[in-house]
């Protein structure tokens, strides 16, 4: 239980620090370009989590994975909201918030099943593609 608590906490801390940074940087860099950079960094740190030789290294990689994924929510919501016609904004907002709420829950359930059936490293290998 302690291992899981630290792992989730490091990710959440990185995520909480990455969200405000993304909001200040994406207008300067460009929304689509910054989203691609954030996804590439998330992929790289997922790989680092999967190959982590020690638990402290894993927690550091997990922190940076959370840090790089923080802006993805805001950027994704901004891009999707920007691309919708004005008459469908309310429908889109409700669908997007539902997906952003249910997605992490389903991902955690699926990750738990993978870790139980195979190996916990596969949870991070699946993030790479």
C-alpha atoms as a PDB file:
ATOM      1  CA  UNK A   1       0.000   0.000   0.000  1.00  0.00           C
ATOM      2  CA  UNK A   2       2.832   2.436   0.781  1.00  0.00           C
ATOM      3  CA  UNK A   3       4.404   1.818  -2.618  1.00  0.00           C
ATOM      4  CA  UNK A   4       1.167   2.610  -4.416  1.00  0.00           C
ATOM      5  CA  UNK A   5       0.558   5.705  -2.306  1.00  0.00           C
ATOM      6  CA  UNK A   6       3.944   7.185  -3.162  1.00  0.00           C
ATOM      7  CA  UNK A   7       3.601   6.295  -6.835  1.00  0.00           C
ATOM      8  CA  UNK A   8       0.203   7.961  -7.167  1.00  0.00           C
ATOM      9  CA  UNK A   9       1.302  10.934  -5.062  1.00  0.00           C
ATOM     10  CA  UNK A  10       4.362  11.627  -7.203  1.00  0.00           C
ATOM     11  CA  UNK A  11       2.239  11.493 -10.359  1.00  0.00           C
ATOM     12  CA  UNK A  12      -0.432  13.753  -8.842  1.00  0.00           C
ATOM     13  CA  UNK A  13       2.139  16.258  -7.618  1.00  0.00           C
ATOM     14  CA  UNK A  14       3.748  16.444 -11.057  1.00  0.00           C
ATOM     15  CA  UNK A  15       0.317  16.745 -12.653  1.00  0.00           C
ATOM     16  CA  UNK A  16      -0.711  19.568 -10.333  1.00  0.00           C
ATOM     17  CA  UNK A  17       2.491  21.469 -11.144  1.00  0.00           C
ATOM     18  CA  UNK A  18       2.243  20.820 -14.888  1.00  0.00           C
ATOM     19  CA  UNK A  19      -1.287  22.145 -15.406  1.00  0.00           C
ATOM     20  CA  UNK A  20      -0.551  25.824 -14.631  1.00  0.00           C
ATOM     21  CA  UNK A  21       2.709  25.693 -16.569  1.00  0.00           C
ATOM     22  CA  UNK A  22       0.880  24.405 -19.621  1.00  0.00           C
ATOM     23  CA  UNK A  23      -1.694  27.168 -19.435  1.00  0.00           C
ATOM     24  CA  UNK A  24       0.999  29.823 -19.470  1.00  0.00           C
ATOM     25  CA  UNK A  25       3.182  28.221 -22.155  1.00  0.00           C
ATOM     26  CA  UNK A  26       0.774  26.969 -24.802  1.00  0.00           C
ATOM     27  CA  UNK A  27      -0.276  30.460 -26.016  1.00  0.00           C
ATOM     28  CA  UNK A  28       3.411  31.258 -26.606  1.00  0.00           C
ATOM     29  CA  UNK A  29       4.426  27.989 -28.279  1.00  0.00           C
ATOM     30  CA  UNK A  30       1.152  27.186 -30.012  1.00  0.00           C
ATOM     31  CA  UNK A  31      -1.571  24.865 -28.819  1.00  0.00           C
ATOM     32  CA  UNK A  32      -1.057  21.995 -31.265  1.00  0.00           C
ATOM     33  CA  UNK A  33       2.757  22.137 -31.043  1.00  0.00           C
ATOM     34  CA  UNK A  34       2.687  22.165 -27.239  1.00  0.00           C
ATOM     35  CA  UNK A  35       0.214  19.257 -27.188  1.00  0.00           C
ATOM     36  CA  UNK A  36       2.561  17.189 -29.365  1.00  0.00           C
ATOM     37  CA  UNK A  37       5.507  18.057 -27.107  1.00  0.00           C
ATOM     38  CA  UNK A  38       3.525  17.091 -23.992  1.00  0.00           C
ATOM     39  CA  UNK A  39       2.454  13.760 -25.536  1.00  0.00           C
ATOM     40  CA  UNK A  40       6.016  12.958 -26.601  1.00  0.00           C
ATOM     41  CA  UNK A  41       7.319  13.757 -23.109  1.00  0.00           C
ATOM     42  CA  UNK A  42       4.561  11.632 -21.552  1.00  0.00           C
ATOM     43  CA  UNK A  43       5.526   8.754 -23.837  1.00  0.00           C
ATOM     44  CA  UNK A  44       9.202   9.097 -22.967  1.00  0.00           C
ATOM     45  CA  UNK A  45       8.543   9.156 -19.219  1.00  0.00           C
ATOM     46  CA  UNK A  46       6.172   6.189 -19.536  1.00  0.00           C
ATOM     47  CA  UNK A  47       9.067   4.290 -21.058  1.00  0.00           C
ATOM     48  CA  UNK A  48      11.321   5.465 -18.218  1.00  0.00           C
ATOM     49  CA  UNK A  49       8.774   4.165 -15.695  1.00  0.00           C
ATOM     50  CA  UNK A  50       8.625   0.808 -17.466  1.00  0.00           C
ATOM     51  CA  UNK A  51      12.395   0.295 -17.443  1.00  0.00           C
ATOM     52  CA  UNK A  52      13.038   1.811 -14.001  1.00  0.00           C
ATOM     53  CA  UNK A  53      15.787  -0.167 -12.260  1.00  0.00           C
ATOM     54  CA  UNK A  54      15.020   1.179  -8.762  1.00  0.00           C
ATOM     55  CA  UNK A  55      12.015   2.464  -6.888  1.00  0.00           C
ATOM     56  CA  UNK A  56      13.378   6.033  -6.409  1.00  0.00           C
ATOM     57  CA  UNK A  57      14.124   6.242 -10.152  1.00  0.00           C
ATOM     58  CA  UNK A  58      10.587   5.019 -10.834  1.00  0.00           C
ATOM     59  CA  UNK A  59       9.104   7.727  -8.605  1.00  0.00           C
ATOM     60  CA  UNK A  60      11.137  10.452 -10.311  1.00  0.00           C
ATOM     61  CA  UNK A  61      10.018   9.202 -13.738  1.00  0.00           C
ATOM     62  CA  UNK A  62       6.450   9.019 -12.439  1.00  0.00           C
ATOM     63  CA  UNK A  63       6.654  12.649 -11.253  1.00  0.00           C
ATOM     64  CA  UNK A  64       7.801  13.798 -14.707  1.00  0.00           C
ATOM     65  CA  UNK A  65       5.161  11.636 -16.350  1.00  0.00           C
ATOM     66  CA  UNK A  66       2.540  13.475 -14.306  1.00  0.00           C
ATOM     67  CA  UNK A  67       4.203  16.822 -15.009  1.00  0.00           C
ATOM     68  CA  UNK A  68       4.111  16.238 -18.762  1.00  0.00           C
ATOM     69  CA  UNK A  69       0.522  14.950 -18.709  1.00  0.00           C
ATOM     70  CA  UNK A  70      -0.813  17.922 -16.737  1.00  0.00           C
ATOM     71  CA  UNK A  71      -1.137  20.241 -19.730  1.00  0.00           C
ATOM     72  CA  UNK A  72      -2.700  17.520 -21.903  1.00  0.00           C
ATOM     73  CA  UNK A  73      -6.111  17.879 -20.220  1.00  0.00           C
ATOM     74  CA  UNK A  74      -6.229  21.654 -20.599  1.00  0.00           C
ATOM     75  CA  UNK A  75      -4.799  21.578 -24.118  1.00  0.00           C
ATOM     76  CA  UNK A  76      -7.100  18.803 -25.266  1.00  0.00           C
ATOM     77  CA  UNK A  77     -10.138  20.556 -23.861  1.00  0.00           C
ATOM     78  CA  UNK A  78      -9.031  23.853 -25.416  1.00  0.00           C
ATOM     79  CA  UNK A  79      -8.440  22.313 -28.846  1.00  0.00           C
ATOM     80  CA  UNK A  80     -11.643  20.292 -28.902  1.00  0.00           C
ATOM     81  CA  UNK A  81     -13.680  23.224 -27.632  1.00  0.00           C
ATOM     82  CA  UNK A  82     -12.119  25.540 -30.209  1.00  0.00           C
ATOM     83  CA  UNK A  83     -12.970  23.177 -33.087  1.00  0.00           C
ATOM     84  CA  UNK A  84     -16.675  22.821 -32.236  1.00  0.00           C
ATOM     85  CA  UNK A  85     -19.419  24.991 -33.746  1.00  0.00           C
ATOM     86  CA  UNK A  86     -20.926  27.472 -31.273  1.00  0.00           C
ATOM     87  CA  UNK A  87     -24.325  25.769 -31.234  1.00  0.00           C
ATOM     88  CA  UNK A  88     -22.770  22.487 -30.041  1.00  0.00           C
ATOM     89  CA  UNK A  89     -20.479  23.905 -27.316  1.00  0.00           C
ATOM     90  CA  UNK A  90     -22.738  22.820 -24.433  1.00  0.00           C
ATOM     91  CA  UNK A  91     -23.096  19.284 -25.763  1.00  0.00           C
ATOM     92  CA  UNK A  92     -19.372  19.027 -26.357  1.00  0.00           C
ATOM     93  CA  UNK A  93     -18.524  20.358 -22.902  1.00  0.00           C
ATOM     94  CA  UNK A  94     -20.715  17.774 -21.194  1.00  0.00           C
ATOM     95  CA  UNK A  95     -19.304  14.931 -23.304  1.00  0.00           C
ATOM     96  CA  UNK A  96     -15.695  16.079 -22.851  1.00  0.00           C
ATOM     97  CA  UNK A  97     -16.030  16.434 -19.081  1.00  0.00           C
ATOM     98  CA  UNK A  98     -17.617  12.987 -18.897  1.00  0.00           C
ATOM     99  CA  UNK A  99     -14.717  11.496 -20.858  1.00  0.00           C
ATOM    100  CA  UNK A 100     -12.123  13.374 -18.791  1.00  0.00           C
ATOM    101  CA  UNK A 101     -13.774  12.066 -15.620  1.00  0.00           C
ATOM    102  CA  UNK A 102     -14.421   8.447 -16.617  1.00  0.00           C
ATOM    103  CA  UNK A 103     -11.233   7.902 -18.656  1.00  0.00           C
ATOM    104  CA  UNK A 104      -8.777   7.925 -15.747  1.00  0.00           C
ATOM    105  CA  UNK A 105     -11.038   5.633 -13.705  1.00  0.00           C
ATOM    106  CA  UNK A 106     -11.294   3.092 -16.495  1.00  0.00           C
ATOM    107  CA  UNK A 107      -7.554   3.426 -17.150  1.00  0.00           C
ATOM    108  CA  UNK A 108      -6.746   2.716 -13.516  1.00  0.00           C
ATOM    109  CA  UNK A 109      -9.028  -0.338 -13.492  1.00  0.00           C
ATOM    110  CA  UNK A 110      -7.474  -1.650 -16.688  1.00  0.00           C
ATOM    111  CA  UNK A 111      -3.978  -0.946 -15.337  1.00  0.00           C
ATOM    112  CA  UNK A 112      -4.753  -2.855 -12.149  1.00  0.00           C
ATOM    113  CA  UNK A 113      -5.957  -5.821 -14.145  1.00  0.00           C
ATOM    114  CA  UNK A 114      -2.810  -5.755 -16.321  1.00  0.00           C
ATOM    115  CA  UNK A 115      -0.547  -5.532 -13.272  1.00  0.00           C
ATOM    116  CA  UNK A 116      -2.352  -8.415 -11.608  1.00  0.00           C
ATOM    117  CA  UNK A 117      -2.492 -10.675 -14.685  1.00  0.00           C
ATOM    118  CA  UNK A 118       0.927  -9.936 -16.209  1.00  0.00           C
ATOM    119  CA  UNK A 119       3.460  -7.475 -14.815  1.00  0.00           C
ATOM    120  CA  UNK A 120       3.147  -3.883 -13.621  1.00  0.00           C
ATOM    121  CA  UNK A 121       5.684  -2.718 -16.245  1.00  0.00           C
ATOM    122  CA  UNK A 122       3.199  -3.499 -19.018  1.00  0.00           C
ATOM    123  CA  UNK A 123       0.952  -0.701 -17.740  1.00  0.00           C
ATOM    124  CA  UNK A 124       3.641   1.751 -18.840  1.00  0.00           C
ATOM    125  CA  UNK A 125       4.613  -0.092 -22.013  1.00  0.00           C
ATOM    126  CA  UNK A 126       1.007   0.284 -23.204  1.00  0.00           C
ATOM    127  CA  UNK A 127       1.346   4.082 -22.935  1.00  0.00           C
ATOM    128  CA  UNK A 128       4.165   4.164 -25.481  1.00  0.00           C
ATOM    129  CA  UNK A 129       2.174   3.577 -28.705  1.00  0.00           C
END
